C-alpha atoms as a PDB file:
ATOM      1  CA  MET A   1     177.659 184.744 -90.618  1.00  0.00           C
ATOM      2  CA  SER A   2     176.592 186.806 -87.608  1.00  0.00           C
ATOM      3  CA  ARG A   3     175.070 185.449 -84.424  1.00  0.00           C
ATOM      4  CA  ARG A   4     171.597 186.590 -85.373  1.00  0.00           C
ATOM      5  CA  GLU A   5     171.843 184.985 -88.793  1.00  0.00           C
ATOM      6  CA  LEU A   6     173.239 181.724 -87.442  1.00  0.00           C
ATOM      7  CA  VAL A   7     170.580 179.094 -88.122  1.00  0.00           C
ATOM      8  CA  HIS A   8     170.401 175.413 -88.670  1.00  0.00           C
ATOM      9  CA  ASN A   9     168.678 174.158 -91.799  1.00  0.00           C
ATOM     10  CA  LEU A  10     166.896 170.839 -91.534  1.00  0.00           C
ATOM     11  CA  SER A  11     165.591 169.491 -94.815  1.00  0.00           C
ATOM     12  CA  VAL A  12     162.568 167.225 -94.539  1.00  0.00           C
ATOM     13  CA  GLY A  13     161.655 166.042 -98.026  1.00  0.00           C
ATOM     14  CA  GLU A  14     160.913 169.208 -99.984  1.00  0.00           C
ATOM     15  CA  LYS A  15     160.280 171.303 -96.870  1.00  0.00           C
ATOM     16  CA  THR A  16     163.054 173.254 -95.173  1.00  0.00           C
ATOM     17  CA  VAL A  17     162.699 174.076 -91.470  1.00  0.00           C
ATOM     18  CA  ARG A  18     164.898 176.861 -90.116  1.00  0.00           C
ATOM     19  CA  THR A  19     165.674 176.496 -86.399  1.00  0.00           C
ATOM     20  CA  PRO A  20     168.032 178.725 -84.393  1.00  0.00           C
ATOM     21  CA  ILE A  21     171.215 177.267 -82.869  1.00  0.00           C
ATOM     22  CA  CYS A  22     173.249 178.471 -79.944  1.00  0.00           C
ATOM     23  CA  PRO A  23     176.201 180.634 -81.082  1.00  0.00           C
ATOM     24  CA  VAL A  24     178.260 179.478 -78.037  1.00  0.00           C
ATOM     25  CA  CYS A  25     177.880 175.717 -77.797  1.00  0.00           C
ATOM     26  CA  GLY A  26     176.292 175.035 -81.186  1.00  0.00           C
ATOM     27  CA  SER A  27     173.281 173.259 -79.706  1.00  0.00           C
ATOM     28  CA  ASN A  28     169.865 173.484 -81.359  1.00  0.00           C
ATOM     29  CA  ASN A  29     168.059 172.782 -78.089  1.00  0.00           C
ATOM     30  CA  ILE A  30     166.510 176.273 -77.952  1.00  0.00           C
ATOM     31  CA  VAL A  31     163.498 176.988 -75.757  1.00  0.00           C
ATOM     32  CA  HIS A  32     161.209 179.945 -75.106  1.00  0.00           C
ATOM     33  CA  SER A  33     161.585 181.188 -71.560  1.00  0.00           C
ATOM     34  CA  GLY A  34     158.042 182.514 -71.395  1.00  0.00           C
ATOM     35  CA  HIS A  35     159.273 186.115 -70.976  1.00  0.00           C
ATOM     36  CA  GLY A  36     159.942 186.890 -74.627  1.00  0.00           C
ATOM     37  CA  GLU A  37     163.450 185.347 -74.696  1.00  0.00           C
ATOM     38  CA  LEU A  38     165.079 182.536 -76.676  1.00  0.00           C
ATOM     39  CA  VAL A  39     167.429 180.598 -74.351  1.00  0.00           C
ATOM     40  CA  CYS A  40     169.819 177.724 -74.997  1.00  0.00           C
ATOM     41  CA  ASP A  41     168.745 174.847 -72.765  1.00  0.00           C
ATOM     42  CA  ASN A  42     172.315 173.450 -72.637  1.00  0.00           C
ATOM     43  CA  CYS A  43     174.498 176.426 -71.684  1.00  0.00           C
ATOM     44  CA  GLY A  44     171.848 179.019 -70.754  1.00  0.00           C
ATOM     45  CA  THR A  45     172.867 181.597 -73.349  1.00  0.00           C
ATOM     46  CA  VAL A  46     170.168 184.155 -74.135  1.00  0.00           C
ATOM     47  CA  ILE A  47     170.079 184.237 -77.927  1.00  0.00           C
ATOM     48  CA  SER A  48     167.442 186.963 -78.392  1.00  0.00           C
ATOM     49  CA  GLU A  49     165.237 189.136 -76.228  1.00  0.00           C
ATOM     50  CA  LYS A  50     161.798 190.757 -76.478  1.00  0.00           C
ATOM     51  CA  GLU A  51     160.460 188.167 -78.878  1.00  0.00           C
ATOM     52  CA  ILE A  52     156.895 188.670 -80.124  1.00  0.00           C
ATOM     53  CA  ASP A  53     154.531 185.762 -79.652  1.00  0.00           C
ATOM     54  CA  PHE A  54     152.247 185.604 -82.666  1.00  0.00           C
ATOM     55  CA  GLY A  55     150.165 182.772 -81.238  1.00  0.00           C
ATOM     56  CA  GLN A  56     146.743 183.037 -79.686  1.00  0.00           C
ATOM     57  CA  GLU A  57     146.390 184.340 -76.157  1.00  0.00           C
ATOM     58  CA  TRP A  58     143.681 181.828 -75.280  1.00  0.00           C
ATOM     59  CA  ARG A  59     143.645 178.108 -74.575  1.00  0.00           C
ATOM     60  CA  ALA A  60     141.161 175.537 -75.808  1.00  0.00           C
ATOM     61  CA  PHE A  61     140.746 171.989 -74.541  1.00  0.00           C
ATOM     62  CA  THR A  62     138.008 170.772 -76.872  1.00  0.00           C
ATOM     63  CA  ALA A  63     137.170 171.208 -80.532  1.00  0.00           C
ATOM     64  CA  GLU A  64     134.059 173.212 -79.624  1.00  0.00           C
ATOM     65  CA  GLU A  65     136.061 175.654 -77.516  1.00  0.00           C
ATOM     66  CA  ARG A  66     138.644 176.088 -80.267  1.00  0.00           C
ATOM     67  CA  GLU A  67     135.981 176.819 -82.870  1.00  0.00           C
ATOM     68  CA  LYS A  68     134.162 179.234 -80.547  1.00  0.00           C
ATOM     69  CA  ARG A  69     137.260 181.195 -79.529  1.00  0.00           C
ATOM     70  CA  SER A  70     138.918 181.317 -82.911  1.00  0.00           C
ATOM     71  CA  ARG A  71     138.909 184.734 -84.588  1.00  0.00           C
ATOM     72  CA  ILE A  72     140.009 183.727 -88.069  1.00  0.00           C
ATOM     73  CA  GLY A  73     138.187 185.122 -91.058  1.00  0.00           C
ATOM     74  CA  GLU A  74     135.785 187.974 -91.612  1.00  0.00           C
ATOM     75  CA  PRO A  75     133.252 188.500 -88.808  1.00  0.00           C
ATOM     76  CA  LEU A  76     129.600 187.994 -89.608  1.00  0.00           C
ATOM     77  CA  LYS A  77     127.812 191.250 -90.233  1.00  0.00           C
ATOM     78  CA  PRO A  78     124.473 192.018 -88.585  1.00  0.00           C
ATOM     79  CA  GLY A  79     121.698 190.655 -90.749  1.00  0.00           C
ATOM     80  CA  MET A  80     123.918 188.074 -92.439  1.00  0.00           C
ATOM     81  CA  THR A  81     122.787 184.525 -91.837  1.00  0.00           C
ATOM     82  CA  THR A  82     125.217 181.770 -90.986  1.00  0.00           C
ATOM     83  CA  GLY A  83     125.197 180.189 -94.428  1.00  0.00           C
ATOM     84  CA  MET A  84     125.619 183.407 -96.402  1.00  0.00           C
ATOM     85  CA  MET A  85     129.073 184.175 -97.786  1.00  0.00           C
ATOM     86  CA  SER A  86     130.423 187.705 -98.020  1.00  0.00           C
ATOM     87  CA  THR A  87     131.614 187.205-101.615  1.00  0.00           C
ATOM     88  CA  ILE A  88     129.706 186.079-104.685  1.00  0.00           C
ATOM     89  CA  ILE A  89     130.522 185.044-108.247  1.00  0.00           C
ATOM     90  CA  ASP A  90     129.333 187.971-110.342  1.00  0.00           C
ATOM     91  CA  LYS A  91     128.530 187.842-114.044  1.00  0.00           C
ATOM     92  CA  ARG A  92     130.583 190.985-114.569  1.00  0.00           C
ATOM     93  CA  ASP A  93     133.655 189.187-113.274  1.00  0.00           C
ATOM     94  CA  ILE A  94     133.027 186.278-115.614  1.00  0.00           C
ATOM     95  CA  ASN A  95     132.706 188.627-118.605  1.00  0.00           C
ATOM     96  CA  ARG A  96     135.790 190.616-117.630  1.00  0.00           C
ATOM     97  CA  LEU A  97     138.000 187.516-117.436  1.00  0.00           C
ATOM     98  CA  LYS A  98     137.222 186.603-121.080  1.00  0.00           C
ATOM     99  CA  LEU A  99     137.098 182.867-120.470  1.00  0.00           C
ATOM    100  CA  ASP A 100     136.774 180.259-123.187  1.00  0.00           C
ATOM    101  CA  ALA A 101     133.417 178.634-123.844  1.00  0.00           C
ATOM    102  CA  GLN A 102     133.847 175.616-121.558  1.00  0.00           C
ATOM    103  CA  ARG A 103     135.282 177.553-118.605  1.00  0.00           C
ATOM    104  CA  ARG A 104     132.578 180.177-119.010  1.00  0.00           C
ATOM    105  CA  VAL A 105     129.875 177.495-118.777  1.00  0.00           C
ATOM    106  CA  ASP A 106     131.572 176.060-115.667  1.00  0.00           C
ATOM    107  CA  ALA A 107     131.782 179.509-114.032  1.00  0.00           C
ATOM    108  CA  LEU A 108     128.109 180.223-114.706  1.00  0.00           C
ATOM    109  CA  GLN A 109     127.198 176.812-113.307  1.00  0.00           C
ATOM    110  CA  MET A 110     129.195 177.512-110.139  1.00  0.00           C
ATOM    111  CA  ARG A 111     127.494 180.887-109.814  1.00  0.00           C
ATOM    112  CA  LYS A 112     124.062 179.279-110.071  1.00  0.00           C
ATOM    113  CA  TRP A 113     124.793 176.738-107.363  1.00  0.00           C
ATOM    114  CA  GLN A 114     126.421 179.348-105.151  1.00  0.00           C
ATOM    115  CA  MET A 115     123.299 181.506-105.327  1.00  0.00           C
ATOM    116  CA  ARG A 116     121.165 178.487-104.471  1.00  0.00           C
ATOM    117  CA  SER A 117     123.372 177.551-101.534  1.00  0.00           C
ATOM    118  CA  ARG A 118     123.373 181.114-100.143  1.00  0.00           C
ATOM    119  CA  PHE A 119     119.584 181.279 -99.908  1.00  0.00           C
ATOM    120  CA  GLN A 120     118.467 177.907 -98.672  1.00  0.00           C
ATOM    121  CA  THR A 121     115.439 179.123 -96.722  1.00  0.00           C
ATOM    122  CA  ALA A 122     112.787 181.789 -97.113  1.00  0.00           C
ATOM    123  CA  ARG A 123     114.325 183.604 -94.137  1.00  0.00           C
ATOM    124  CA  ASP A 124     117.642 183.937 -96.011  1.00  0.00           C
ATOM    125  CA  ARG A 125     115.906 185.284 -99.110  1.00  0.00           C
ATOM    126  CA  SER A 126     113.897 187.770 -97.053  1.00  0.00           C
ATOM    127  CA  THR A 127     117.001 188.932 -95.189  1.00  0.00           C
ATOM    128  CA  SER A 128     118.952 189.427 -98.413  1.00  0.00           C
ATOM    129  CA  GLN A 129     116.145 191.503 -99.907  1.00  0.00           C
ATOM    130  CA  ALA A 130     115.866 193.541 -96.714  1.00  0.00           C
ATOM    131  CA  LEU A 131     119.615 194.271 -96.656  1.00  0.00           C
ATOM    132  CA  ALA A 132     119.413 195.558-100.213  1.00  0.00           C
ATOM    133  CA  GLU A 133     116.462 197.796 -99.295  1.00  0.00           C
ATOM    134  CA  ILE A 134     118.274 199.114 -96.215  1.00  0.00           C
ATOM    135  CA  SER A 135     121.276 200.064 -98.334  1.00  0.00           C
ATOM    136  CA  ARG A 136     119.074 201.650-101.026  1.00  0.00           C
ATOM    137  CA  ILE A 137     117.121 203.849 -98.578  1.00  0.00           C
ATOM    138  CA  ALA A 138     120.084 204.701 -96.335  1.00  0.00           C
ATOM    139  CA  THR A 139     122.385 205.820 -99.166  1.00  0.00           C
ATOM    140  CA  PRO A 140     120.570 209.075-100.140  1.00  0.00           C
ATOM    141  CA  LEU A 141     120.052 209.848 -96.439  1.00  0.00           C
ATOM    142  CA  LYS A 142     123.826 209.426 -95.851  1.00  0.00           C
ATOM    143  CA  LEU A 143     123.271 207.227 -92.823  1.00  0.00           C
ATOM    144  CA  PRO A 144     126.388 205.704 -91.199  1.00  0.00           C
ATOM    145  CA  ASP A 145     127.125 201.985 -91.243  1.00  0.00           C
ATOM    146  CA  SER A 146     126.273 201.681 -87.545  1.00  0.00           C
ATOM    147  CA  VAL A 147     122.684 202.734 -88.260  1.00  0.00           C
ATOM    148  CA  LYS A 148     122.377 200.289 -91.168  1.00  0.00           C
ATOM    149  CA  GLU A 149     123.746 197.447 -89.039  1.00  0.00           C
ATOM    150  CA  GLU A 150     121.331 198.281 -86.235  1.00  0.00           C
ATOM    151  CA  ALA A 151     118.438 198.318 -88.724  1.00  0.00           C
ATOM    152  CA  ALA A 152     119.512 194.898 -90.048  1.00  0.00           C
ATOM    153  CA  THR A 153     119.623 193.522 -86.506  1.00  0.00           C
ATOM    154  CA  ILE A 154     116.138 194.861 -85.745  1.00  0.00           C
ATOM    155  CA  TYR A 155     114.830 193.354 -88.996  1.00  0.00           C
ATOM    156  CA  GLN A 156     116.185 189.934 -88.044  1.00  0.00           C
ATOM    157  CA  LYS A 157     114.444 190.193 -84.670  1.00  0.00           C
ATOM    158  CA  ALA A 158     111.227 191.108 -86.478  1.00  0.00           C
ATOM    159  CA  VAL A 159     111.583 188.054 -88.738  1.00  0.00           C
ATOM    160  CA  ASP A 160     112.162 185.772 -85.737  1.00  0.00           C
ATOM    161  CA  ALA A 161     109.090 187.250 -84.021  1.00  0.00           C
ATOM    162  CA  GLY A 162     106.932 186.671 -87.127  1.00  0.00           C
ATOM    163  CA  LEU A 163     106.194 190.358 -87.678  1.00  0.00           C
ATOM    164  CA  VAL A 164     107.219 190.463 -91.349  1.00  0.00           C
ATOM    165  CA  ARG A 165     104.801 187.852 -92.629  1.00  0.00           C
ATOM    166  CA  GLY A 166     101.887 189.456 -94.451  1.00  0.00           C
ATOM    167  CA  ARG A 167     103.489 192.903 -94.484  1.00  0.00           C
ATOM    168  CA  SER A 168     105.517 194.833 -97.010  1.00  0.00           C
ATOM    169  CA  ILE A 169     109.262 194.279 -96.597  1.00  0.00           C
ATOM    170  CA  GLU A 170     109.870 197.847 -97.732  1.00  0.00           C
ATOM    171  CA  SER A 171     107.621 199.280 -95.016  1.00  0.00           C
ATOM    172  CA  ILE A 172     109.258 197.104 -92.345  1.00  0.00           C
ATOM    173  CA  VAL A 173     112.718 198.172 -93.561  1.00  0.00           C
ATOM    174  CA  ALA A 174     111.763 201.861 -93.461  1.00  0.00           C
ATOM    175  CA  ALA A 175     110.403 201.369 -89.941  1.00  0.00           C
ATOM    176  CA  THR A 176     113.616 199.631 -88.795  1.00  0.00           C
ATOM    177  CA  LEU A 177     115.686 202.520 -90.181  1.00  0.00           C
ATOM    178  CA  HIS A 178     113.530 204.991 -88.279  1.00  0.00           C
ATOM    179  CA  VAL A 179     113.969 202.968 -85.083  1.00  0.00           C
ATOM    180  CA  ALA A 180     117.748 202.849 -85.620  1.00  0.00           C
ATOM    181  CA  CYS A 181     117.906 206.609 -86.222  1.00  0.00           C
ATOM    182  CA  ARG A 182     115.911 207.233 -83.048  1.00  0.00           C
ATOM    183  CA  LYS A 183     118.194 204.945 -81.038  1.00  0.00           C
ATOM    184  CA  PHE A 184     121.295 206.782 -82.302  1.00  0.00           C
ATOM    185  CA  ASN A 185     119.563 210.166 -81.777  1.00  0.00           C
ATOM    186  CA  LEU A 186     119.866 211.172 -85.429  1.00  0.00           C
ATOM    187  CA  PRO A 187     117.541 213.993 -86.570  1.00  0.00           C
ATOM    188  CA  ILE A 188     115.928 211.987 -89.375  1.00  0.00           C
ATOM    189  CA  ALA A 189     112.165 212.352 -89.540  1.00  0.00           C
ATOM    190  CA  LEU A 190     109.801 209.643 -90.714  1.00  0.00           C
ATOM    191  CA  ASP A 191     108.838 211.768 -93.729  1.00  0.00           C
ATOM    192  CA  GLN A 192     112.465 211.840 -94.903  1.00  0.00           C
ATOM    193  CA  ILE A 193     112.693 208.051 -94.824  1.00  0.00           C
ATOM    194  CA  THR A 194     109.272 207.542 -96.402  1.00  0.00           C
ATOM    195  CA  GLN A 195     110.059 209.725 -99.412  1.00  0.00           C
ATOM    196  CA  PHE A 196     112.677 207.184-100.550  1.00  0.00           C
ATOM    197  CA  THR A 197     110.263 204.256-100.423  1.00  0.00           C
ATOM    198  CA  ARG A 198     108.476 203.220-103.606  1.00  0.00           C
ATOM    199  CA  ASN A 199     104.910 203.459-102.311  1.00  0.00           C
ATOM    200  CA  GLN A 200     105.643 206.493-100.058  1.00  0.00           C
ATOM    201  CA  ASN A 201     102.884 205.409 -97.688  1.00  0.00           C
ATOM    202  CA  LYS A 202     103.694 207.170 -94.436  1.00  0.00           C
ATOM    203  CA  LYS A 203     100.761 205.636 -92.551  1.00  0.00           C
ATOM    204  CA  ASP A 204     101.900 202.114 -93.406  1.00  0.00           C
ATOM    205  CA  VAL A 205     105.484 202.830 -92.289  1.00  0.00           C
ATOM    206  CA  ALA A 206     104.253 204.489 -89.082  1.00  0.00           C
ATOM    207  CA  ARG A 207     102.054 201.472 -88.358  1.00  0.00           C
ATOM    208  CA  CYS A 208     105.035 199.130 -88.798  1.00  0.00           C
ATOM    209  CA  TYR A 209     107.140 201.386 -86.586  1.00  0.00           C
ATOM    210  CA  ARG A 210     104.626 201.196 -83.740  1.00  0.00           C
ATOM    211  CA  LEU A 211     104.403 197.427 -84.226  1.00  0.00           C
ATOM    212  CA  LEU A 212     108.179 196.991 -83.926  1.00  0.00           C
ATOM    213  CA  VAL A 213     108.458 199.170 -80.845  1.00  0.00           C
ATOM    214  CA  LYS A 214     105.581 197.404 -79.095  1.00  0.00           C
ATOM    215  CA  ASP A 215     106.195 193.749 -79.974  1.00  0.00           C
ATOM    216  CA  LEU A 216     110.007 193.846 -79.729  1.00  0.00           C
ATOM    217  CA  ASN A 217     109.919 195.835 -76.460  1.00  0.00           C
ATOM    218  CA  ILE A 218     112.265 198.512 -77.791  1.00  0.00           C
ATOM    219  CA  LEU A 219     112.869 201.404 -75.401  1.00  0.00           C
ATOM    220  CA  MET A 220     113.039 204.519 -77.526  1.00  0.00           C
ATOM    221  CA  PRO A 221     114.967 207.536 -76.212  1.00  0.00           C
ATOM    222  CA  VAL A 222     113.254 210.906 -76.121  1.00  0.00           C
ATOM    223  CA  PRO A 223     114.404 212.918 -79.168  1.00  0.00           C
ATOM    224  CA  ASP A 224     116.587 215.881 -78.292  1.00  0.00           C
ATOM    225  CA  PRO A 225     115.700 219.138 -80.116  1.00  0.00           C
ATOM    226  CA  VAL A 226     119.368 220.181 -79.914  1.00  0.00           C
ATOM    227  CA  SER A 227     120.320 217.469 -82.421  1.00  0.00           C
ATOM    228  CA  TYR A 228     118.085 219.144 -85.046  1.00  0.00           C
ATOM    229  CA  ILE A 229     119.828 222.521 -84.802  1.00  0.00           C
ATOM    230  CA  PRO A 230     122.942 221.775 -86.957  1.00  0.00           C
ATOM    231  CA  ARG A 231     120.881 220.431 -89.866  1.00  0.00           C
ATOM    232  CA  ILE A 232     118.534 223.428 -89.883  1.00  0.00           C
ATOM    233  CA  ALA A 233     121.352 225.933 -89.392  1.00  0.00           C
ATOM    234  CA  TYR A 234     123.337 224.387 -92.261  1.00  0.00           C
ATOM    235  CA  LYS A 235     120.447 224.903 -94.668  1.00  0.00           C
ATOM    236  CA  LEU A 236     120.047 228.518 -93.511  1.00  0.00           C
ATOM    237  CA  GLY A 237     123.772 229.292 -93.461  1.00  0.00           C
ATOM    238  CA  LEU A 238     123.879 230.316 -89.797  1.00  0.00           C
ATOM    239  CA  SER A 239     127.111 230.698 -87.843  1.00  0.00           C
ATOM    240  CA  GLU A 240     128.362 228.537 -84.985  1.00  0.00           C
ATOM    241  CA  ALA A 241     127.679 231.359 -82.525  1.00  0.00           C
ATOM    242  CA  ALA A 242     124.025 231.422 -83.567  1.00  0.00           C
ATOM    243  CA  GLN A 243     123.809 227.647 -83.145  1.00  0.00           C
ATOM    244  CA  ASP A 244     125.313 227.860 -79.654  1.00  0.00           C
ATOM    245  CA  LYS A 245     122.758 230.522 -78.697  1.00  0.00           C
ATOM    246  CA  ALA A 246     119.927 228.338 -80.012  1.00  0.00           C
ATOM    247  CA  ARG A 247     121.244 225.408 -77.951  1.00  0.00           C
ATOM    248  CA  GLU A 248     121.257 227.585 -74.830  1.00  0.00           C
ATOM    249  CA  ILE A 249     117.626 228.531 -75.437  1.00  0.00           C
ATOM    250  CA  ILE A 250     116.641 224.875 -75.876  1.00  0.00           C
ATOM    251  CA  ARG A 251     118.503 223.811 -72.728  1.00  0.00           C
ATOM    252  CA  GLU A 252     116.857 226.559 -70.707  1.00  0.00           C
ATOM    253  CA  ALA A 253     113.453 225.556 -72.055  1.00  0.00           C
ATOM    254  CA  GLN A 254     114.140 221.916 -71.126  1.00  0.00           C
ATOM    255  CA  GLN A 255     115.011 222.906 -67.585  1.00  0.00           C
ATOM    256  CA  MET A 256     111.698 224.732 -67.283  1.00  0.00           C
ATOM    257  CA  GLY A 257     109.833 221.703 -68.656  1.00  0.00           C
ATOM    258  CA  ILE A 258     108.190 223.411 -71.614  1.00  0.00           C
ATOM    259  CA  THR A 259     109.578 221.036 -74.270  1.00  0.00           C
ATOM    260  CA  ALA A 260     107.685 217.913 -73.153  1.00  0.00           C
ATOM    261  CA  GLY A 261     105.356 216.581 -75.818  1.00  0.00           C
ATOM    262  CA  LYS A 262     106.499 219.093 -78.426  1.00  0.00           C
ATOM    263  CA  ASP A 263     107.890 218.320 -81.866  1.00  0.00           C
ATOM    264  CA  PRO A 264     111.720 218.522 -81.524  1.00  0.00           C
ATOM    265  CA  ALA A 265     112.132 219.886 -85.047  1.00  0.00           C
ATOM    266  CA  GLY A 266     109.572 222.615 -84.328  1.00  0.00           C
ATOM    267  CA  LEU A 267     111.329 223.573 -81.085  1.00  0.00           C
ATOM    268  CA  ALA A 268     114.707 223.765 -82.835  1.00  0.00           C
ATOM    269  CA  ALA A 269     113.197 225.894 -85.614  1.00  0.00           C
ATOM    270  CA  ALA A 270     111.591 228.247 -83.084  1.00  0.00           C
ATOM    271  CA  ALA A 271     114.881 228.622 -81.176  1.00  0.00           C
ATOM    272  CA  ILE A 272     116.691 229.475 -84.396  1.00  0.00           C
ATOM    273  CA  TYR A 273     113.976 232.009 -85.249  1.00  0.00           C
ATOM    274  CA  VAL A 274     114.409 233.639 -81.831  1.00  0.00           C
ATOM    275  CA  VAL A 275     118.188 233.806 -82.326  1.00  0.00           C
ATOM    276  CA  SER A 276     117.772 235.360 -85.768  1.00  0.00           C
ATOM    277  CA  LEU A 277     115.667 238.130 -84.203  1.00  0.00           C
ATOM    278  CA  LEU A 278     117.947 238.638 -81.219  1.00  0.00           C
ATOM    279  CA  GLU A 279     121.009 239.002 -83.459  1.00  0.00           C
ATOM    280  CA  ASN A 280     119.160 241.266 -85.912  1.00  0.00           C
ATOM    281  CA  ASN A 281     119.772 238.719 -88.685  1.00  0.00           C
ATOM    282  CA  ARG A 282     116.167 237.906 -89.298  1.00  0.00           C
ATOM    283  CA  LYS A 283     115.084 234.831 -91.194  1.00  0.00           C
ATOM    284  CA  THR A 284     111.461 234.535 -92.180  1.00  0.00           C
ATOM    285  CA  GLN A 285     109.274 231.894 -90.601  1.00  0.00           C
ATOM    286  CA  ARG A 286     108.710 230.386 -94.014  1.00  0.00           C
ATOM    287  CA  GLU A 287     112.456 229.931 -94.594  1.00  0.00           C
ATOM    288  CA  ILE A 288     113.011 228.340 -91.200  1.00  0.00           C
ATOM    289  CA  ALA A 289     109.928 226.132 -91.496  1.00  0.00           C
ATOM    290  CA  GLY A 290     111.126 224.915 -94.893  1.00  0.00           C
ATOM    291  CA  ALA A 291     114.582 224.108 -93.543  1.00  0.00           C
ATOM    292  CA  ALA A 292     113.127 222.259 -90.547  1.00  0.00           C
ATOM    293  CA  GLU A 293     110.432 220.571 -92.671  1.00  0.00           C
ATOM    294  CA  VAL A 294     107.621 221.722 -90.362  1.00  0.00           C
ATOM    295  CA  THR A 295     104.736 224.130 -90.857  1.00  0.00           C
ATOM    296  CA  GLU A 296     104.885 227.863 -90.243  1.00  0.00           C
ATOM    297  CA  VAL A 297     102.121 227.491 -87.665  1.00  0.00           C
ATOM    298  CA  THR A 298     104.330 225.145 -85.632  1.00  0.00           C
ATOM    299  CA  VAL A 299     107.237 227.603 -85.724  1.00  0.00           C
ATOM    300  CA  ARG A 300     104.953 230.466 -84.747  1.00  0.00           C
ATOM    301  CA  ASN A 301     103.372 228.612 -81.813  1.00  0.00           C
ATOM    302  CA  ARG A 302     106.677 227.308 -80.428  1.00  0.00           C
ATOM    303  CA  TYR A 303     108.202 230.771 -80.862  1.00  0.00           C
ATOM    304  CA  LYS A 304     105.458 232.390 -78.787  1.00  0.00           C
ATOM    305  CA  GLU A 305     105.886 229.802 -76.032  1.00  0.00           C
ATOM    306  CA  LEU A 306     109.661 230.336 -75.856  1.00  0.00           C
ATOM    307  CA  VAL A 307     109.346 234.120 -75.792  1.00  0.00           C
ATOM    308  CA  ASP A 308     106.612 234.140 -73.130  1.00  0.00           C
ATOM    309  CA  ARG A 309     108.074 231.504 -70.788  1.00  0.00           C
ATOM    310  CA  LEU A 310     111.742 232.512 -71.093  1.00  0.00           C
ATOM    311  CA  ASN A 311     111.028 236.288 -71.000  1.00  0.00           C
ATOM    312  CA  LEU A 312     112.865 236.925 -74.271  1.00  0.00           C
ATOM    313  CA  ILE A 313     112.492 240.264 -76.055  1.00  0.00           C
ATOM    314  CA  PRO A 314     113.612 239.818 -79.668  1.00  0.00           C
ATOM    315  CA  VAL A 315     113.870 243.018 -81.725  1.00  0.00           C
ATOM    316  CA  VAL A 316     113.095 243.167 -85.417  1.00  0.00           C
ATOM    317  CA  PRO A 317     115.169 245.311 -87.823  1.00  0.00           C
ATOM    318  CA  ASP A 318     112.785 248.286 -87.602  1.00  0.00           C
ATOM    319  CA  ASN A 319     113.357 248.379 -83.792  1.00  0.00           C
ATOM    320  CA  ARG A 320     109.831 247.290 -82.978  1.00  0.00           C
ATOM    321  CA  ILE A 321     109.429 244.871 -80.087  1.00  0.00           C
ATOM    322  CA  VAL A 322     107.843 241.573 -81.121  1.00  0.00           C
END
């Protein structure tokens, strides 16, 4: 037996405790030096070095401090109430296990009481329904988890402020998703979110959006037209060089202060239209407007402003100056 494998086995009932012993003097009085070393307290022999301490790095003096500082278990997700568990007993699991009649009845009974215990209050039931709606609307939009978590957090604040009562949960959820997208500067328009709601009432969602921003004191960042360029360019099949040129036009327009109060999607579409003319790879206004989900009039008006204020001279394929 080598020095590293030299241990002392102490049997206590059915439990076996393995403690290291000193390979020099045979003592089991081994202590941690506090520097990652195991040292014999009798002769001072260093048994091992660079030991890893798997204990917690914090100290707690009361039960409340220990419970507060402990990091055991899955963290609570935004929108999940304190009493809600992350796992449930599903009927599909019960059917897949092929239990006998008595155990099947017991499993269904446990499932019923688990569902009742998860939703003890109306707030829990409303939050659960809202989380399902957030996931349903966000999935076709391919929104990241950070946006969904932010929307769930905003919904909980709306519930605490009493803004959900008397209003459609679906409209509030769509409004919270729009707020979350705006906060993360994602180029998702309100129309895109509304089309995945059942009633598709844009005015109702917009009203809930204004209510959330006002009553919850949410500071919304100004949307950047540059963030809309990749989505529009992807639909039109434009190159990275064309996107970079469109970004330069937008940045120059922002420096001159001509983008204030303008629709960011319309500005991005107009910049892409200018680039398509400058590079003699013309895209029609109808194509660009469809990709940006704005009207042709908006593209035309923003295009004229960019050309006049930035002194751009785009040339069409027949060499006529526009």
